[in-house]
């Protein structure tokens, strides 16, 4: 069943379901390994201006809350280690965690000083309790099933120290009803949020998708698995529209159009100027529907809430039993 009411969003979400005898960990690893083999660039946080802005805003939010020098940090879903190295360069000792061996191989191709590669899998890991001053969990939740979102936040709360901080980010599904409200409620189950950083890029993304659509039709016509994933992620009229235009007959016409639109799409993806102007417009004309990205910095919610003296329950003195 196609459930569009998801808080998070990611392109090319894995849809393959392995046989029941396979564990959830094996299922997640197989899906992520396949995505890395098909298109490793989708995990590159410097691939376009939108992702570069996210990295910059995430690092600034983290540095504004804590001095990183000498701290122990974990980068969950580290991919090739771009953010892990930013943390290391700021003075932290970093555990870089990913479920995909292809990701960890890319990570180890560069300098590993003060970085430890760990092969593990969320929503539950084998990492130690209360082990980290800093937890980084960016653009990861979208690859999990919605039923695992609460498990993820419980795991993050288990890993962080009492005085530690966590920085979390995800793209939001703009077709979901009130996605930011849903994310706020989810985050506050385990964390006290100190800061929210919201990006209004829905107009910018629509422009990118407009120019990229002809090329996507052509790719889908040549790749049956990609076509099935695209059809699975769409609803009713949108599904039929994509099915028609990704057919072999229509792909011939779209291939000519893509020769013009694809370069324009790449130019828009790399244009900081266009992105910034469209974000200002989107902030003015859109409410929550224009929010495409959310970053928050938070602290673990304490389990014991201090009570004022007049609210502390007092032991009731009982009469002595007759046999005492």
C-alpha atoms as a PDB file:
ATOM      1  CA  UNK A   1       0.000   0.000   0.000  1.00  0.00           C
ATOM      2  CA  UNK A   2       1.328   3.437  -0.905  1.00  0.00           C
ATOM      3  CA  UNK A   3       1.277   5.563   2.246  1.00  0.00           C
ATOM      4  CA  UNK A   4       2.086   9.178   1.471  1.00  0.00           C
ATOM      5  CA  UNK A   5       1.553  10.363   5.042  1.00  0.00           C
ATOM      6  CA  UNK A   6       5.225  10.180   5.945  1.00  0.00           C
ATOM      7  CA  UNK A   7       7.095  12.795   7.930  1.00  0.00           C
ATOM      8  CA  UNK A   8      10.368  12.389   6.084  1.00  0.00           C
ATOM      9  CA  UNK A   9      11.158  12.213   2.409  1.00  0.00           C
ATOM     10  CA  UNK A  10      13.918  10.770   0.280  1.00  0.00           C
ATOM     11  CA  UNK A  11      14.215  10.210  -3.439  1.00  0.00           C
ATOM     12  CA  UNK A  12      14.708   6.585  -4.531  1.00  0.00           C
ATOM     13  CA  UNK A  13      13.403   5.147  -1.273  1.00  0.00           C
ATOM     14  CA  UNK A  14      14.156   1.393  -1.343  1.00  0.00           C
ATOM     15  CA  UNK A  15      11.006  -0.679  -1.844  1.00  0.00           C
ATOM     16  CA  UNK A  16      12.394  -4.188  -2.221  1.00  0.00           C
ATOM     17  CA  UNK A  17      11.154  -6.587   0.462  1.00  0.00           C
ATOM     18  CA  UNK A  18      13.366  -9.578   1.190  1.00  0.00           C
ATOM     19  CA  UNK A  19      12.043 -13.029   2.172  1.00  0.00           C
ATOM     20  CA  UNK A  20      10.659 -13.313   5.688  1.00  0.00           C
ATOM     21  CA  UNK A  21      13.563 -15.491   6.834  1.00  0.00           C
ATOM     22  CA  UNK A  22      15.883 -12.504   6.422  1.00  0.00           C
ATOM     23  CA  UNK A  23      16.302 -10.281   9.471  1.00  0.00           C
ATOM     24  CA  UNK A  24      15.391  -6.593   9.393  1.00  0.00           C
ATOM     25  CA  UNK A  25      19.086  -5.739   9.644  1.00  0.00           C
ATOM     26  CA  UNK A  26      19.868  -7.834   6.567  1.00  0.00           C
ATOM     27  CA  UNK A  27      16.958  -6.250   4.715  1.00  0.00           C
ATOM     28  CA  UNK A  28      18.153  -2.709   5.456  1.00  0.00           C
ATOM     29  CA  UNK A  29      21.757  -3.534   4.563  1.00  0.00           C
ATOM     30  CA  UNK A  30      20.796  -5.187   1.275  1.00  0.00           C
ATOM     31  CA  UNK A  31      18.650  -2.180   0.301  1.00  0.00           C
ATOM     32  CA  UNK A  32      21.364   0.343   1.128  1.00  0.00           C
ATOM     33  CA  UNK A  33      24.119  -1.657  -0.585  1.00  0.00           C
ATOM     34  CA  UNK A  34      21.996  -1.742  -3.721  1.00  0.00           C
ATOM     35  CA  UNK A  35      21.427   2.028  -3.612  1.00  0.00           C
ATOM     36  CA  UNK A  36      25.172   2.591  -3.230  1.00  0.00           C
ATOM     37  CA  UNK A  37      25.919   0.383  -6.224  1.00  0.00           C
ATOM     38  CA  UNK A  38      23.257   1.990  -8.417  1.00  0.00           C
ATOM     39  CA  UNK A  39      23.965   5.646  -7.655  1.00  0.00           C
ATOM     40  CA  UNK A  40      26.555   6.485  -4.969  1.00  0.00           C
ATOM     41  CA  UNK A  41      26.324  10.207  -5.790  1.00  0.00           C
ATOM     42  CA  UNK A  42      22.893  10.386  -4.124  1.00  0.00           C
ATOM     43  CA  UNK A  43      24.728  10.068  -0.766  1.00  0.00           C
ATOM     44  CA  UNK A  44      27.172  12.874  -1.542  1.00  0.00           C
ATOM     45  CA  UNK A  45      26.227  15.867   0.668  1.00  0.00           C
ATOM     46  CA  UNK A  46      28.116  18.212  -1.651  1.00  0.00           C
ATOM     47  CA  UNK A  47      26.337  17.202  -4.847  1.00  0.00           C
ATOM     48  CA  UNK A  48      24.276  20.408  -5.156  1.00  0.00           C
ATOM     49  CA  UNK A  49      23.781  23.780  -3.470  1.00  0.00           C
ATOM     50  CA  UNK A  50      20.802  22.523  -1.459  1.00  0.00           C
ATOM     51  CA  UNK A  51      22.885  19.814   0.230  1.00  0.00           C
ATOM     52  CA  UNK A  52      25.862  22.123   0.737  1.00  0.00           C
ATOM     53  CA  UNK A  53      23.588  24.605   2.501  1.00  0.00           C
ATOM     54  CA  UNK A  54      22.235  21.827   4.734  1.00  0.00           C
ATOM     55  CA  UNK A  55      25.764  20.788   5.745  1.00  0.00           C
ATOM     56  CA  UNK A  56      26.704  24.394   6.499  1.00  0.00           C
ATOM     57  CA  UNK A  57      23.572  25.061   8.580  1.00  0.00           C
ATOM     58  CA  UNK A  58      23.960  21.787  10.466  1.00  0.00           C
ATOM     59  CA  UNK A  59      27.595  22.436  11.382  1.00  0.00           C
ATOM     60  CA  UNK A  60      26.885  26.029  12.431  1.00  0.00           C
ATOM     61  CA  UNK A  61      23.997  24.913  14.647  1.00  0.00           C
ATOM     62  CA  UNK A  62      26.243  22.349  16.317  1.00  0.00           C
ATOM     63  CA  UNK A  63      29.136  24.748  16.900  1.00  0.00           C
ATOM     64  CA  UNK A  64      26.783  27.362  18.344  1.00  0.00           C
ATOM     65  CA  UNK A  65      25.657  24.913  21.045  1.00  0.00           C
ATOM     66  CA  UNK A  66      28.895  23.185  22.057  1.00  0.00           C
ATOM     67  CA  UNK A  67      32.669  23.425  21.841  1.00  0.00           C
ATOM     68  CA  UNK A  68      33.697  20.385  19.770  1.00  0.00           C
ATOM     69  CA  UNK A  69      37.325  20.182  20.881  1.00  0.00           C
ATOM     70  CA  UNK A  70      37.985  16.912  22.729  1.00  0.00           C
ATOM     71  CA  UNK A  71      34.383  15.700  22.539  1.00  0.00           C
ATOM     72  CA  UNK A  72      33.349  12.194  21.558  1.00  0.00           C
ATOM     73  CA  UNK A  73      30.958  12.212  18.606  1.00  0.00           C
ATOM     74  CA  UNK A  74      29.102   9.680  16.495  1.00  0.00           C
ATOM     75  CA  UNK A  75      28.000  10.267  12.903  1.00  0.00           C
ATOM     76  CA  UNK A  76      25.118   7.873  12.252  1.00  0.00           C
ATOM     77  CA  UNK A  77      24.682   7.086   8.573  1.00  0.00           C
ATOM     78  CA  UNK A  78      28.095   8.595   7.836  1.00  0.00           C
ATOM     79  CA  UNK A  79      28.200   7.600   4.131  1.00  0.00           C
ATOM     80  CA  UNK A  80      31.638   8.551   2.744  1.00  0.00           C
ATOM     81  CA  UNK A  81      32.407  10.602   5.868  1.00  0.00           C
ATOM     82  CA  UNK A  82      32.022  14.218   4.736  1.00  0.00           C
ATOM     83  CA  UNK A  83      30.444  15.367   7.999  1.00  0.00           C
ATOM     84  CA  UNK A  84      32.586  13.011  10.092  1.00  0.00           C
ATOM     85  CA  UNK A  85      35.687  14.810   8.845  1.00  0.00           C
ATOM     86  CA  UNK A  86      34.165  18.226   9.558  1.00  0.00           C
ATOM     87  CA  UNK A  87      33.612  17.084  13.152  1.00  0.00           C
ATOM     88  CA  UNK A  88      37.145  15.675  13.332  1.00  0.00           C
ATOM     89  CA  UNK A  89      38.650  18.867  11.934  1.00  0.00           C
ATOM     90  CA  UNK A  90      36.803  20.810  14.663  1.00  0.00           C
ATOM     91  CA  UNK A  91      38.571  18.695  17.311  1.00  0.00           C
ATOM     92  CA  UNK A  92      36.145  15.832  18.030  1.00  0.00           C
ATOM     93  CA  UNK A  93      36.958  12.123  18.080  1.00  0.00           C
ATOM     94  CA  UNK A  94      34.412  10.518  15.779  1.00  0.00           C
ATOM     95  CA  UNK A  95      32.782   7.112  15.430  1.00  0.00           C
ATOM     96  CA  UNK A  96      31.536   6.928  11.827  1.00  0.00           C
ATOM     97  CA  UNK A  97      28.676   4.421  11.580  1.00  0.00           C
ATOM     98  CA  UNK A  98      26.999   3.048   8.471  1.00  0.00           C
ATOM     99  CA  UNK A  99      25.192  -0.153   7.490  1.00  0.00           C
ATOM    100  CA  UNK A 100      26.544  -0.204   3.925  1.00  0.00           C
ATOM    101  CA  UNK A 101      30.000  -1.706   3.468  1.00  0.00           C
ATOM    102  CA  UNK A 102      30.277   0.267   0.224  1.00  0.00           C
ATOM    103  CA  UNK A 103      29.930   3.468   2.263  1.00  0.00           C
ATOM    104  CA  UNK A 104      32.601   2.421   4.755  1.00  0.00           C
ATOM    105  CA  UNK A 105      34.985   1.506   1.925  1.00  0.00           C
ATOM    106  CA  UNK A 106      34.576   5.028   0.530  1.00  0.00           C
ATOM    107  CA  UNK A 107      35.103   6.435   4.022  1.00  0.00           C
ATOM    108  CA  UNK A 108      38.416   4.575   4.424  1.00  0.00           C
ATOM    109  CA  UNK A 109      39.780   5.904   1.132  1.00  0.00           C
ATOM    110  CA  UNK A 110      40.613   9.223   2.866  1.00  0.00           C
ATOM    111  CA  UNK A 111      42.361  10.257   6.080  1.00  0.00           C
ATOM    112  CA  UNK A 112      41.026   8.281   9.075  1.00  0.00           C
ATOM    113  CA  UNK A 113      42.895  10.124  11.841  1.00  0.00           C
ATOM    114  CA  UNK A 114      40.604  10.334  14.928  1.00  0.00           C
ATOM    115  CA  UNK A 115      37.830   8.588  12.958  1.00  0.00           C
ATOM    116  CA  UNK A 116      36.742   5.017  13.734  1.00  0.00           C
ATOM    117  CA  UNK A 117      34.646   3.209  11.118  1.00  0.00           C
ATOM    118  CA  UNK A 118      31.857   1.054  12.594  1.00  0.00           C
ATOM    119  CA  UNK A 119      29.569  -1.274  10.673  1.00  0.00           C
ATOM    120  CA  UNK A 120      26.189  -1.115  12.414  1.00  0.00           C
ATOM    121  CA  UNK A 121      22.522  -0.572  11.696  1.00  0.00           C
ATOM    122  CA  UNK A 122      19.723   1.653  12.968  1.00  0.00           C
ATOM    123  CA  UNK A 123      17.085   1.840  14.411  1.00  0.00           C
ATOM    124  CA  UNK A 124      18.986  -0.233  17.011  1.00  0.00           C
ATOM    125  CA  UNK A 125      22.757  -0.507  17.314  1.00  0.00           C
ATOM    126  CA  UNK A 126      25.349  -2.293  19.413  1.00  0.00           C
ATOM    127  CA  UNK A 127      26.943   0.967  20.556  1.00  0.00           C
ATOM    128  CA  UNK A 128      27.396   1.649  24.279  1.00  0.00           C
ATOM    129  CA  UNK A 129      24.862   3.439  26.478  1.00  0.00           C
ATOM    130  CA  UNK A 130      25.461   7.116  27.311  1.00  0.00           C
ATOM    131  CA  UNK A 131      28.632   7.068  25.211  1.00  0.00           C
ATOM    132  CA  UNK A 132      28.592  10.304  23.209  1.00  0.00           C
ATOM    133  CA  UNK A 133      28.801  14.040  23.835  1.00  0.00           C
ATOM    134  CA  UNK A 134      27.582  14.684  20.290  1.00  0.00           C
ATOM    135  CA  UNK A 135      25.220  12.667  18.094  1.00  0.00           C
ATOM    136  CA  UNK A 136      24.775  13.520  14.428  1.00  0.00           C
ATOM    137  CA  UNK A 137      21.807  11.898  12.669  1.00  0.00           C
ATOM    138  CA  UNK A 138      21.251  13.648   9.354  1.00  0.00           C
ATOM    139  CA  UNK A 139      19.151  12.514   6.389  1.00  0.00           C
ATOM    140  CA  UNK A 140      18.835   8.989   7.779  1.00  0.00           C
ATOM    141  CA  UNK A 141      15.289   8.609   9.090  1.00  0.00           C
ATOM    142  CA  UNK A 142      13.828   8.631   5.571  1.00  0.00           C
ATOM    143  CA  UNK A 143      15.408   5.262   4.820  1.00  0.00           C
ATOM    144  CA  UNK A 144      13.570   3.606   7.716  1.00  0.00           C
ATOM    145  CA  UNK A 145      10.011   2.353   7.840  1.00  0.00           C
ATOM    146  CA  UNK A 146       7.621   4.801   9.597  1.00  0.00           C
ATOM    147  CA  UNK A 147       6.987   2.142  12.259  1.00  0.00           C
ATOM    148  CA  UNK A 148      10.660   2.446  13.225  1.00  0.00           C
ATOM    149  CA  UNK A 149      10.731   6.206  13.786  1.00  0.00           C
ATOM    150  CA  UNK A 150      10.018   5.951  17.520  1.00  0.00           C
ATOM    151  CA  UNK A 151      12.627   3.188  17.872  1.00  0.00           C
ATOM    152  CA  UNK A 152      15.179   5.484  16.238  1.00  0.00           C
ATOM    153  CA  UNK A 153      14.603   8.326  18.691  1.00  0.00           C
ATOM    154  CA  UNK A 154      14.694   5.934  21.639  1.00  0.00           C
ATOM    155  CA  UNK A 155      18.050   4.650  20.392  1.00  0.00           C
ATOM    156  CA  UNK A 156      19.424   8.185  20.017  1.00  0.00           C
ATOM    157  CA  UNK A 157      18.377   8.943  23.598  1.00  0.00           C
ATOM    158  CA  UNK A 158      20.139   5.764  24.782  1.00  0.00           C
ATOM    159  CA  UNK A 159      23.436   6.698  23.126  1.00  0.00           C
ATOM    160  CA  UNK A 160      23.720  10.328  24.221  1.00  0.00           C
ATOM    161  CA  UNK A 161      25.236  11.487  27.498  1.00  0.00           C
ATOM    162  CA  UNK A 162      23.045  13.345  29.986  1.00  0.00           C
ATOM    163  CA  UNK A 163      24.721  16.653  29.087  1.00  0.00           C
ATOM    164  CA  UNK A 164      25.265  15.821  25.404  1.00  0.00           C
ATOM    165  CA  UNK A 165      23.579  17.337  22.365  1.00  0.00           C
ATOM    166  CA  UNK A 166      22.124  15.876  19.204  1.00  0.00           C
ATOM    167  CA  UNK A 167      21.764  17.450  15.790  1.00  0.00           C
ATOM    168  CA  UNK A 168      19.150  15.890  13.535  1.00  0.00           C
ATOM    169  CA  UNK A 169      17.946  16.703  10.032  1.00  0.00           C
ATOM    170  CA  UNK A 170      15.567  15.347   7.439  1.00  0.00           C
ATOM    171  CA  UNK A 171      13.837  16.395   4.271  1.00  0.00           C
ATOM    172  CA  UNK A 172      10.066  16.671   4.732  1.00  0.00           C
ATOM    173  CA  UNK A 173       7.406  15.134   2.529  1.00  0.00           C
ATOM    174  CA  UNK A 174       5.481  18.181   1.343  1.00  0.00           C
ATOM    175  CA  UNK A 175       2.513  15.985   0.445  1.00  0.00           C
ATOM    176  CA  UNK A 176       2.121  14.924   4.069  1.00  0.00           C
ATOM    177  CA  UNK A 177      -0.443  16.650   6.251  1.00  0.00           C
ATOM    178  CA  UNK A 178       1.402  18.944   8.726  1.00  0.00           C
ATOM    179  CA  UNK A 179       4.794  17.201   8.430  1.00  0.00           C
ATOM    180  CA  UNK A 180       6.663  19.658  10.671  1.00  0.00           C
ATOM    181  CA  UNK A 181       4.074  19.252  13.458  1.00  0.00           C
ATOM    182  CA  UNK A 182       4.446  15.488  13.225  1.00  0.00           C
ATOM    183  CA  UNK A 183       8.234  15.761  13.402  1.00  0.00           C
ATOM    184  CA  UNK A 184       8.039  18.087  16.425  1.00  0.00           C
ATOM    185  CA  UNK A 185       5.868  15.599  18.313  1.00  0.00           C
ATOM    186  CA  UNK A 186       8.207  12.774  17.356  1.00  0.00           C
ATOM    187  CA  UNK A 187      11.334  14.641  18.461  1.00  0.00           C
ATOM    188  CA  UNK A 188       9.864  15.731  21.786  1.00  0.00           C
ATOM    189  CA  UNK A 189       9.143  12.161  22.859  1.00  0.00           C
ATOM    190  CA  UNK A 190      12.827  11.814  23.808  1.00  0.00           C
ATOM    191  CA  UNK A 191      14.460  15.248  23.452  1.00  0.00           C
ATOM    192  CA  UNK A 192      14.149  18.844  24.574  1.00  0.00           C
ATOM    193  CA  UNK A 193      14.632  20.860  21.397  1.00  0.00           C
ATOM    194  CA  UNK A 194      16.777  23.981  21.801  1.00  0.00           C
ATOM    195  CA  UNK A 195      16.684  25.181  18.197  1.00  0.00           C
ATOM    196  CA  UNK A 196      14.792  24.546  14.972  1.00  0.00           C
ATOM    197  CA  UNK A 197      16.251  25.541  11.576  1.00  0.00           C
ATOM    198  CA  UNK A 198      13.690  25.325   8.777  1.00  0.00           C
ATOM    199  CA  UNK A 199      14.345  25.590   5.040  1.00  0.00           C
ATOM    200  CA  UNK A 200      11.657  26.755   2.611  1.00  0.00           C
ATOM    201  CA  UNK A 201      12.722  25.176  -0.668  1.00  0.00           C
ATOM    202  CA  UNK A 202       9.483  23.706  -2.015  1.00  0.00           C
ATOM    203  CA  UNK A 203       9.367  26.192  -4.932  1.00  0.00           C
ATOM    204  CA  UNK A 204      13.013  25.574  -5.740  1.00  0.00           C
ATOM    205  CA  UNK A 205      12.501  21.802  -5.737  1.00  0.00           C
ATOM    206  CA  UNK A 206       9.451  22.083  -7.983  1.00  0.00           C
ATOM    207  CA  UNK A 207      11.518  24.066 -10.483  1.00  0.00           C
ATOM    208  CA  UNK A 208      14.289  21.456 -10.365  1.00  0.00           C
ATOM    209  CA  UNK A 209      11.824  18.609 -10.847  1.00  0.00           C
ATOM    210  CA  UNK A 210      10.183  20.441 -13.776  1.00  0.00           C
ATOM    211  CA  UNK A 211      13.464  20.595 -15.709  1.00  0.00           C
ATOM    212  CA  UNK A 212      14.511  17.078 -14.671  1.00  0.00           C
ATOM    213  CA  UNK A 213      11.206  15.376 -15.562  1.00  0.00           C
ATOM    214  CA  UNK A 214      11.981  14.655 -19.260  1.00  0.00           C
ATOM    215  CA  UNK A 215      15.297  13.043 -18.349  1.00  0.00           C
ATOM    216  CA  UNK A 216      13.604  10.999 -15.611  1.00  0.00           C
ATOM    217  CA  UNK A 217      11.039   9.691 -18.126  1.00  0.00           C
ATOM    218  CA  UNK A 218      13.872   8.569 -20.404  1.00  0.00           C
ATOM    219  CA  UNK A 219      15.801   6.877 -17.569  1.00  0.00           C
ATOM    220  CA  UNK A 220      12.693   5.064 -16.354  1.00  0.00           C
ATOM    221  CA  UNK A 221      11.952   3.779 -19.852  1.00  0.00           C
ATOM    222  CA  UNK A 222      15.412   2.166 -19.883  1.00  0.00           C
ATOM    223  CA  UNK A 223      15.421   0.855 -16.297  1.00  0.00           C
ATOM    224  CA  UNK A 224      12.493  -1.360 -15.267  1.00  0.00           C
ATOM    225  CA  UNK A 225      13.380  -1.326 -11.575  1.00  0.00           C
ATOM    226  CA  UNK A 226      13.591   2.468 -11.482  1.00  0.00           C
ATOM    227  CA  UNK A 227      10.253   2.689 -13.301  1.00  0.00           C
ATOM    228  CA  UNK A 228       8.606   0.410 -10.747  1.00  0.00           C
ATOM    229  CA  UNK A 229       9.994   2.475  -7.862  1.00  0.00           C
ATOM    230  CA  UNK A 230       8.678   5.684  -9.403  1.00  0.00           C
ATOM    231  CA  UNK A 231       5.235   4.178 -10.006  1.00  0.00           C
ATOM    232  CA  UNK A 232       5.146   2.811  -6.456  1.00  0.00           C
ATOM    233  CA  UNK A 233       5.858   6.242  -4.981  1.00  0.00           C
ATOM    234  CA  UNK A 234       3.058   7.987  -6.902  1.00  0.00           C
ATOM    235  CA  UNK A 235      -0.715   8.109  -6.611  1.00  0.00           C
ATOM    236  CA  UNK A 236      -3.628   7.786  -9.078  1.00  0.00           C
ATOM    237  CA  UNK A 237      -3.314  10.432 -11.825  1.00  0.00           C
ATOM    238  CA  UNK A 238       0.368  11.060 -11.123  1.00  0.00           C
ATOM    239  CA  UNK A 239       1.068   7.344 -11.447  1.00  0.00           C
ATOM    240  CA  UNK A 240      -0.799   7.040 -14.737  1.00  0.00           C
ATOM    241  CA  UNK A 241       0.918  10.173 -16.091  1.00  0.00           C
ATOM    242  CA  UNK A 242       4.364   8.762 -15.289  1.00  0.00           C
ATOM    243  CA  UNK A 243       3.443   5.337 -16.654  1.00  0.00           C
ATOM    244  CA  UNK A 244       2.378   6.882 -19.970  1.00  0.00           C
ATOM    245  CA  UNK A 245       5.376   9.171 -20.379  1.00  0.00           C
ATOM    246  CA  UNK A 246       7.948   6.550 -19.399  1.00  0.00           C
ATOM    247  CA  UNK A 247       6.766   4.130 -22.050  1.00  0.00           C
ATOM    248  CA  UNK A 248       9.127   3.282 -24.898  1.00  0.00           C
ATOM    249  CA  UNK A 249       7.067   5.254 -27.428  1.00  0.00           C
ATOM    250  CA  UNK A 250       6.907   8.496 -25.428  1.00  0.00           C
ATOM    251  CA  UNK A 251      10.529   8.232 -24.317  1.00  0.00           C
ATOM    252  CA  UNK A 252      11.686   8.945 -27.867  1.00  0.00           C
ATOM    253  CA  UNK A 253      10.039  12.364 -27.807  1.00  0.00           C
ATOM    254  CA  UNK A 254      11.146  13.123 -24.258  1.00  0.00           C
ATOM    255  CA  UNK A 255      14.753  12.300 -25.171  1.00  0.00           C
ATOM    256  CA  UNK A 256      14.866  15.276 -27.538  1.00  0.00           C
ATOM    257  CA  UNK A 257      13.328  17.610 -24.976  1.00  0.00           C
ATOM    258  CA  UNK A 258      15.729  16.358 -22.294  1.00  0.00           C
ATOM    259  CA  UNK A 259      18.667  17.575 -24.389  1.00  0.00           C
ATOM    260  CA  UNK A 260      17.510  21.107 -23.518  1.00  0.00           C
ATOM    261  CA  UNK A 261      15.947  20.717 -20.072  1.00  0.00           C
ATOM    262  CA  UNK A 262      18.564  18.486 -18.415  1.00  0.00           C
ATOM    263  CA  UNK A 263      21.384  21.086 -18.653  1.00  0.00           C
ATOM    264  CA  UNK A 264      18.979  23.706 -17.297  1.00  0.00           C
ATOM    265  CA  UNK A 265      18.092  21.383 -14.419  1.00  0.00           C
ATOM    266  CA  UNK A 266      21.770  20.876 -13.561  1.00  0.00           C
ATOM    267  CA  UNK A 267      22.332  24.634 -13.673  1.00  0.00           C
ATOM    268  CA  UNK A 268      19.418  25.285 -11.287  1.00  0.00           C
ATOM    269  CA  UNK A 269      20.642  22.560  -8.904  1.00  0.00           C
ATOM    270  CA  UNK A 270      23.999  24.321  -8.605  1.00  0.00           C
ATOM    271  CA  UNK A 271      22.729  27.906  -8.440  1.00  0.00           C
ATOM    272  CA  UNK A 272      22.922  29.328  -4.924  1.00  0.00           C
ATOM    273  CA  UNK A 273      21.477  32.615  -6.215  1.00  0.00           C
ATOM    274  CA  UNK A 274      18.301  30.989  -7.602  1.00  0.00           C
ATOM    275  CA  UNK A 275      17.849  28.855  -4.488  1.00  0.00           C
ATOM    276  CA  UNK A 276      18.190  31.806  -2.098  1.00  0.00           C
ATOM    277  CA  UNK A 277      15.737  34.000  -4.047  1.00  0.00           C
ATOM    278  CA  UNK A 278      13.139  31.255  -4.301  1.00  0.00           C
ATOM    279  CA  UNK A 279      13.478  30.513  -0.580  1.00  0.00           C
ATOM    280  CA  UNK A 280      12.715  34.175   0.256  1.00  0.00           C
ATOM    281  CA  UNK A 281       9.647  34.071  -1.985  1.00  0.00           C
ATOM    282  CA  UNK A 282       8.508  30.758  -0.507  1.00  0.00           C
ATOM    283  CA  UNK A 283       8.806  32.103   3.053  1.00  0.00           C
ATOM    284  CA  UNK A 284       6.561  35.021   2.115  1.00  0.00           C
ATOM    285  CA  UNK A 285       3.812  33.180   0.232  1.00  0.00           C
ATOM    286  CA  UNK A 286       3.807  29.786   1.966  1.00  0.00           C
ATOM    287  CA  UNK A 287       3.106  28.679   5.494  1.00  0.00           C
ATOM    288  CA  UNK A 288       4.169  25.245   6.704  1.00  0.00           C
ATOM    289  CA  UNK A 289       3.483  23.815   3.248  1.00  0.00           C
ATOM    290  CA  UNK A 290       6.650  25.493   1.977  1.00  0.00           C
ATOM    291  CA  UNK A 291       8.971  23.819   4.503  1.00  0.00           C
ATOM    292  CA  UNK A 292      11.122  21.243   2.756  1.00  0.00           C
ATOM    293  CA  UNK A 293      13.864  20.630   5.316  1.00  0.00           C
ATOM    294  CA  UNK A 294      14.099  20.615   9.111  1.00  0.00           C
ATOM    295  CA  UNK A 295      17.159  20.631  11.360  1.00  0.00           C
ATOM    296  CA  UNK A 296      16.971  20.632  15.133  1.00  0.00           C
ATOM    297  CA  UNK A 297      19.453  20.634  17.994  1.00  0.00           C
ATOM    298  CA  UNK A 298      18.296  18.988  21.200  1.00  0.00           C
ATOM    299  CA  UNK A 299      19.161  17.501  24.583  1.00  0.00           C
ATOM    300  CA  UNK A 300      17.967  14.228  26.056  1.00  0.00           C
ATOM    301  CA  UNK A 301      14.786  14.660  28.038  1.00  0.00           C
ATOM    302  CA  UNK A 302      15.506  13.795  31.699  1.00  0.00           C
ATOM    303  CA  UNK A 303      13.724  10.754  33.070  1.00  0.00           C
ATOM    304  CA  UNK A 304      13.292  12.274  36.541  1.00  0.00           C
ATOM    305  CA  UNK A 305      11.550  15.616  36.751  1.00  0.00           C
ATOM    306  CA  UNK A 306      12.352  17.608  39.918  1.00  0.00           C
ATOM    307  CA  UNK A 307       9.312  18.310  42.096  1.00  0.00           C
ATOM    308  CA  UNK A 308       8.833  21.329  44.378  1.00  0.00           C
ATOM    309  CA  UNK A 309       9.026  20.496  48.120  1.00  0.00           C
ATOM    310  CA  UNK A 310       5.271  20.876  48.627  1.00  0.00           C
ATOM    311  CA  UNK A 311       4.609  18.317  45.871  1.00  0.00           C
ATOM    312  CA  UNK A 312       6.912  15.576  47.164  1.00  0.00           C
ATOM    313  CA  UNK A 313       4.762  12.730  48.529  1.00  0.00           C
ATOM    314  CA  UNK A 314       5.252  12.007  52.242  1.00  0.00           C
ATOM    315  CA  UNK A 315       5.189   8.585  53.821  1.00  0.00           C
ATOM    316  CA  UNK A 316       2.076   8.044  55.901  1.00  0.00           C
ATOM    317  CA  UNK A 317       2.878   6.761  59.393  1.00  0.00           C
ATOM    318  CA  UNK A 318       0.932   3.630  60.244  1.00  0.00           C
ATOM    319  CA  UNK A 319      -0.096   2.296  63.603  1.00  0.00           C
ATOM    320  CA  UNK A 320       2.171  -0.398  64.917  1.00  0.00           C
ATOM    321  CA  UNK A 321       0.926  -3.866  64.345  1.00  0.00           C
ATOM    322  CA  UNK A 322      -0.274  -5.626  67.539  1.00  0.00           C
ATOM    323  CA  UNK A 323       2.422  -8.323  67.296  1.00  0.00           C
ATOM    324  CA  UNK A 324       5.318  -5.838  67.232  1.00  0.00           C
END
